[in-house]
Amino acid sequence: MNLKRIFGTLLTILGIGGLIYTAVLFSSTSGEMSSIKSLIIYGILGVVFFASGISLIRTTKDEA
C-alpha cells in the first residue's frame, strides 16, 4: 500500500469524523453564537479533509 493512499485514507476518515461531529453539534444546537461558529468551522474542515482525502486516493496510481 502506497504512503499517499494511507495519508488519503487518514484524511478521508478525519473528514468523515468532522462531518459527523458537525451533525451532532447541529442536532444539539439551540442558537448560541459560539455553537454556530463551531458548526461552520468543523463543517468546513470536515468537507476540506474529506474532499482532499478522496482526491488523493483517486489520483494515486497503483504500483505493480
Protein backbone atom coordinates (compact mmCIF):
# COMPACT_ATOMS: atom_id res chain seq x y z
CA MET A 1 0.00 0.00 0.00
CA ASN A 2 1.32 3.36 -1.02
CA LEU A 3 2.06 6.07 1.57
CA LYS A 4 -0.11 8.56 -0.33
CA ARG A 5 -3.06 6.18 -0.19
CA ILE A 6 -2.61 5.74 3.56
CA PHE A 7 -2.50 9.51 4.03
CA GLY A 8 -5.56 9.89 1.78
CA THR A 9 -7.43 7.31 3.83
CA LEU A 10 -6.48 9.11 7.03
CA LEU A 11 -7.69 12.45 5.64
CA THR A 12 -10.93 10.86 4.49
CA ILE A 13 -11.57 9.34 7.93
CA LEU A 14 -10.81 12.69 9.61
CA GLY A 15 -13.21 14.38 7.20
CA ILE A 16 -15.98 11.92 7.93
CA GLY A 17 -15.37 12.38 11.65
CA GLY A 18 -15.57 16.15 11.28
CA LEU A 19 -18.82 15.91 9.35
CA ILE A 20 -20.33 13.55 11.92
CA TYR A 21 -19.26 15.88 14.74
CA THR A 22 -20.86 18.79 12.86
CA ALA A 23 -24.09 16.82 12.58
CA VAL A 24 -24.04 16.07 16.32
CA LEU A 25 -23.45 19.75 17.11
CA PHE A 26 -26.21 20.75 14.70
CA SER A 27 -28.71 18.43 16.35
CA SER A 28 -27.94 19.78 19.82
CA THR A 29 -27.61 23.47 18.94
CA SER A 30 -30.06 25.95 20.39
CA GLY A 31 -28.84 29.05 18.56
CA GLU A 32 -25.91 30.31 20.60
CA MET A 33 -23.33 32.23 18.59
CA SER A 34 -20.38 30.09 19.75
CA SER A 35 -22.08 26.87 18.64
CA ILE A 36 -22.87 28.37 15.23
CA LYS A 37 -19.19 29.28 14.80
CA SER A 38 -18.22 25.74 15.79
CA LEU A 39 -20.68 24.33 13.28
CA ILE A 40 -19.17 26.39 10.48
CA ILE A 41 -15.55 25.65 11.41
CA TYR A 42 -15.96 21.89 11.87
CA GLY A 43 -18.19 21.62 8.81
CA ILE A 44 -15.72 23.39 6.53
CA LEU A 45 -12.76 21.42 7.91
CA GLY A 46 -14.68 18.17 7.51
CA VAL A 47 -15.55 18.92 3.88
CA VAL A 48 -11.99 20.01 3.05
CA PHE A 49 -10.40 16.94 4.67
CA PHE A 50 -12.91 14.59 3.07
CA ALA A 51 -12.54 16.09 -0.41
CA SER A 52 -8.74 16.17 -0.26
CA GLY A 53 -8.57 12.60 1.04
CA ILE A 54 -10.84 11.26 -1.69
CA SER A 55 -8.93 13.23 -4.32
CA LEU A 56 -5.59 11.89 -3.06
CA ILE A 57 -6.87 8.31 -3.13
CA ARG A 58 -8.30 8.67 -6.64
CA THR A 59 -5.23 10.27 -8.21
CA THR A 60 -2.65 7.92 -6.71
CA LYS A 61 -1.65 5.20 -9.17
CA ASP A 62 -1.20 1.59 -8.09
CA GLU A 63 2.32 0.23 -8.41
CA ALA A 64 2.74 -3.33 -9.54
